N, C-alpha and C. Protein backbone atom coordinates (compact mmCIF):
# COMPACT_ATOMS: atom_id res chain seq x y z
N MET A 1 26.27 -1.09 1.71
CA MET A 1 26.36 -2.51 1.28
C MET A 1 27.11 -3.13 2.11
N GLN A 2 26.78 -4.26 2.57
CA GLN A 2 27.83 -5.45 3.33
C GLN A 2 27.78 -6.39 2.72
N ILE A 3 29.24 -7.04 3.25
CA ILE A 3 29.67 -8.34 2.91
C ILE A 3 29.27 -9.17 3.92
N ILE A 4 28.71 -10.14 3.26
CA ILE A 4 27.92 -11.26 4.39
C ILE A 4 28.59 -12.79 3.89
N GLU A 5 29.68 -13.22 4.87
CA GLU A 5 29.86 -14.55 4.56
C GLU A 5 28.43 -15.53 4.69
N GLY A 6 28.87 -16.63 4.30
CA GLY A 6 27.91 -17.67 4.08
C GLY A 6 27.92 -18.36 2.84
N PRO A 7 26.78 -19.50 2.92
CA PRO A 7 26.45 -20.04 1.52
C PRO A 7 25.71 -18.81 0.58
N ALA A 8 25.98 -19.17 -0.59
CA ALA A 8 25.42 -18.09 -1.78
C ALA A 8 23.80 -18.46 -2.10
N PRO A 9 22.98 -17.32 -2.15
CA PRO A 9 21.71 -17.57 -2.03
C PRO A 9 21.24 -18.03 -3.62
N TYR A 10 20.11 -18.77 -3.47
CA TYR A 10 19.31 -19.15 -4.96
C TYR A 10 20.25 -20.15 -5.59
N GLY A 11 21.24 -20.87 -4.56
CA GLY A 11 22.08 -22.38 -5.19
C GLY A 11 22.94 -21.60 -6.18
N ILE A 12 23.77 -20.26 -6.17
CA ILE A 12 24.19 -19.82 -7.12
C ILE A 12 25.79 -20.80 -6.42
N SER A 13 26.29 -21.10 -7.95
CA SER A 13 27.85 -21.70 -7.48
C SER A 13 29.07 -21.02 -8.19
N THR A 14 29.46 -19.90 -7.62
CA THR A 14 30.42 -19.48 -8.00
C THR A 14 31.52 -19.10 -6.99
N GLU A 15 33.08 -19.12 -7.52
CA GLU A 15 33.84 -18.67 -6.50
C GLU A 15 34.20 -17.36 -6.65
N ASN A 16 33.74 -16.28 -7.58
CA ASN A 16 33.73 -14.92 -7.79
C ASN A 16 32.59 -14.12 -7.11
N ARG A 17 33.25 -12.92 -7.29
CA ARG A 17 32.05 -12.07 -6.37
C ARG A 17 30.67 -12.00 -6.77
N ILE A 18 29.71 -12.02 -6.11
CA ILE A 18 28.29 -12.36 -6.49
C ILE A 18 27.80 -10.90 -6.48
N THR A 19 27.38 -10.33 -7.72
CA THR A 19 27.21 -8.87 -7.84
C THR A 19 25.65 -8.75 -8.00
N LYS A 20 25.14 -8.06 -8.19
CA LYS A 20 23.48 -7.74 -8.39
C LYS A 20 22.86 -8.08 -9.71
N ARG A 21 23.80 -8.21 -10.58
CA ARG A 21 23.18 -8.52 -11.86
C ARG A 21 23.44 -10.16 -11.77
N ILE A 22 24.36 -11.07 -11.28
CA ILE A 22 24.35 -12.62 -10.92
C ILE A 22 23.11 -12.82 -9.85
N LEU A 23 22.86 -11.69 -8.86
CA LEU A 23 21.65 -12.41 -7.86
C LEU A 23 20.58 -12.14 -8.67
N GLN A 24 20.30 -10.74 -9.28
CA GLN A 24 19.17 -11.00 -10.29
C GLN A 24 18.60 -12.10 -11.40
N HIS A 25 19.98 -12.33 -11.85
CA HIS A 25 19.76 -13.59 -12.85
C HIS A 25 19.38 -14.74 -12.41
N HIS A 26 19.72 -15.08 -11.13
CA HIS A 26 19.49 -16.30 -10.73
C HIS A 26 18.33 -16.44 -9.48
N LYS A 27 17.88 -15.22 -9.37
CA LYS A 27 16.46 -15.12 -8.46
C LYS A 27 15.19 -15.77 -9.22
N PRO A 28 14.54 -16.76 -8.38
CA PRO A 28 13.61 -17.38 -9.15
C PRO A 28 12.77 -16.18 -9.22
N LYS A 29 12.02 -16.31 -10.72
CA LYS A 29 10.94 -15.53 -11.41
C LYS A 29 9.90 -15.72 -10.71
N LYS A 30 9.04 -14.95 -10.54
CA LYS A 30 7.75 -15.17 -10.28
C LYS A 30 6.85 -15.05 -11.39
N GLU A 31 5.55 -16.08 -11.55
CA GLU A 31 4.89 -16.35 -12.81
C GLU A 31 3.76 -15.03 -12.57
N LYS A 32 3.68 -14.36 -13.63
CA LYS A 32 2.68 -13.21 -13.94
C LYS A 32 1.27 -14.02 -14.11
N ILE A 33 0.45 -13.33 -13.26
CA ILE A 33 -1.10 -14.11 -13.28
C ILE A 33 -2.00 -13.49 -14.38
N ASN A 34 -2.20 -14.33 -14.91
CA ASN A 34 -3.43 -13.59 -16.13
C ASN A 34 -4.50 -12.97 -15.66
N PRO A 35 -4.61 -11.84 -15.99
CA PRO A 35 -5.74 -11.28 -15.35
C PRO A 35 -7.50 -11.63 -15.87
N ILE A 36 -7.00 -12.16 -17.14
CA ILE A 36 -8.50 -12.89 -17.75
C ILE A 36 -9.21 -14.02 -17.30
N LYS A 37 -7.84 -15.05 -16.62
CA LYS A 37 -8.06 -16.00 -16.03
C LYS A 37 -8.62 -15.77 -14.51
N THR A 38 -8.02 -14.73 -13.82
CA THR A 38 -8.41 -14.02 -12.52
C THR A 38 -9.71 -14.15 -12.87
N ALA A 39 -10.33 -13.24 -13.79
CA ALA A 39 -11.43 -12.69 -13.96
C ALA A 39 -12.66 -13.72 -13.74
N LEU A 40 -11.76 -14.77 -14.51
CA LEU A 40 -13.13 -15.89 -14.80
C LEU A 40 -13.17 -16.74 -13.46
N MET A 41 -12.28 -16.97 -12.55
CA MET A 41 -12.20 -17.45 -11.48
C MET A 41 -13.19 -16.67 -10.79
N TYR A 42 -13.07 -15.28 -10.43
CA TYR A 42 -13.78 -14.43 -10.14
C TYR A 42 -15.72 -14.82 -10.16
N LYS A 43 -15.63 -14.59 -11.42
CA LYS A 43 -16.99 -14.81 -12.07
C LYS A 43 -17.64 -16.48 -11.46
N LYS A 44 -16.75 -17.33 -11.96
CA LYS A 44 -17.25 -18.93 -10.87
C LYS A 44 -17.30 -18.51 -9.78
N THR A 45 -16.58 -18.07 -9.09
CA THR A 45 -17.06 -17.69 -7.65
C THR A 45 -18.60 -17.13 -7.18
N TYR A 46 -18.57 -15.98 -7.99
CA TYR A 46 -19.61 -15.08 -7.83
C TYR A 46 -20.93 -15.91 -8.11
N GLN A 47 -20.90 -16.61 -9.49
CA GLN A 47 -22.01 -17.31 -10.01
C GLN A 47 -22.21 -18.69 -8.93
N SER A 48 -21.56 -19.11 -8.24
CA SER A 48 -21.72 -20.31 -7.40
C SER A 48 -22.61 -20.12 -6.04
N LEU A 49 -22.56 -18.58 -5.91
CA LEU A 49 -23.52 -18.08 -4.50
C LEU A 49 -24.79 -18.48 -4.72
N ALA A 50 -25.46 -18.62 -3.57
CA ALA A 50 -27.11 -18.99 -3.79
C ALA A 50 -27.25 -17.52 -3.74
N ASN A 51 -26.83 -16.49 -3.35
CA ASN A 51 -27.23 -15.04 -3.34
C ASN A 51 -26.13 -14.25 -3.86
N PRO A 52 -25.88 -14.52 -5.38
CA PRO A 52 -24.41 -13.49 -5.34
C PRO A 52 -24.63 -12.12 -5.28
N THR A 53 -23.68 -11.49 -4.52
CA THR A 53 -23.20 -10.58 -4.01
C THR A 53 -21.86 -10.42 -4.36
N ILE A 54 -21.52 -8.90 -4.66
CA ILE A 54 -20.20 -8.33 -4.99
C ILE A 54 -19.42 -8.64 -3.22
N GLN A 55 -20.00 -7.98 -2.68
CA GLN A 55 -19.63 -7.98 -1.20
C GLN A 55 -19.13 -9.43 -0.62
N ALA A 56 -20.14 -10.48 -0.71
CA ALA A 56 -19.79 -11.72 -0.49
C ALA A 56 -18.68 -12.31 -1.00
N THR A 57 -18.65 -11.81 -2.81
CA THR A 57 -17.15 -12.77 -3.68
C THR A 57 -16.52 -12.08 -2.71
N ALA A 58 -16.50 -10.75 -2.41
CA ALA A 58 -15.17 -10.37 -1.86
C ALA A 58 -14.68 -10.81 -0.66
N GLU A 59 -15.49 -11.35 0.39
CA GLU A 59 -15.18 -11.90 1.57
C GLU A 59 -14.62 -13.37 1.21
N ILE A 60 -15.02 -14.14 0.33
CA ILE A 60 -14.90 -15.21 0.34
C ILE A 60 -13.21 -15.04 -0.57
N LEU A 61 -12.79 -14.08 -1.53
CA LEU A 61 -11.85 -14.13 -2.16
C LEU A 61 -10.97 -13.02 -1.31
N GLU A 62 -11.24 -12.81 0.09
CA GLU A 62 -10.17 -11.75 0.80
C GLU A 62 -9.90 -10.80 -0.22
N VAL A 63 -10.45 -10.30 -0.98
CA VAL A 63 -9.88 -9.15 -1.70
C VAL A 63 -11.18 -7.76 -1.34
N SER A 64 -11.02 -6.39 -1.72
CA SER A 64 -11.78 -5.36 -1.60
C SER A 64 -12.98 -5.57 -2.84
N LYS A 65 -14.20 -4.58 -2.32
CA LYS A 65 -15.37 -5.02 -3.19
C LYS A 65 -14.86 -4.31 -4.89
N GLY A 66 -14.07 -3.31 -4.57
CA GLY A 66 -13.76 -2.53 -5.49
C GLY A 66 -12.78 -3.54 -6.60
N ARG A 67 -11.87 -4.41 -5.82
CA ARG A 67 -11.33 -5.12 -6.77
C ARG A 67 -11.99 -5.96 -7.25
N VAL A 68 -13.03 -6.62 -6.71
CA VAL A 68 -13.79 -7.83 -7.43
C VAL A 68 -14.42 -6.95 -8.43
N ASN A 69 -15.14 -5.70 -8.48
CA ASN A 69 -15.63 -4.68 -9.69
C ASN A 69 -14.88 -4.59 -10.72
N GLN A 70 -13.44 -4.17 -10.28
CA GLN A 70 -12.73 -4.11 -11.15
C GLN A 70 -12.16 -5.35 -12.23
N ILE A 71 -11.80 -6.24 -11.97
CA ILE A 71 -11.46 -7.67 -12.26
C ILE A 71 -12.73 -8.12 -13.24
N LEU A 72 -14.15 -8.09 -12.58
CA LEU A 72 -15.21 -8.65 -13.20
C LEU A 72 -15.33 -7.72 -14.61
N ASN A 73 -15.16 -6.21 -14.61
CA ASN A 73 -15.52 -5.78 -15.33
C ASN A 73 -14.38 -5.96 -17.00
N LEU A 74 -13.48 -6.80 -16.59
CA LEU A 74 -12.50 -7.02 -17.52
C LEU A 74 -13.19 -8.20 -18.50
N LEU A 75 -14.31 -8.63 -18.08
CA LEU A 75 -15.11 -9.64 -19.32
C LEU A 75 -15.93 -8.91 -19.88
N LYS A 76 -16.42 -7.49 -19.47
CA LYS A 76 -17.24 -6.66 -20.36
C LYS A 76 -16.89 -6.42 -21.80
């Protein structure tokens, strides 16, 4: 572990030592993506194509064909 001088990350305002616990508490939280909403978005993209294929959908969404199948299977 290194001690680095400089401004505190994530806008932490404390004169005390910054510990892992403090860092984790102040670190911005990532919002978890709802898989059903993702599946509905994939389905909408799939249905909007003139000639709908899993391959074309995967290319548009920049994911693998397998991932498109996995996500769309959530709606079954």
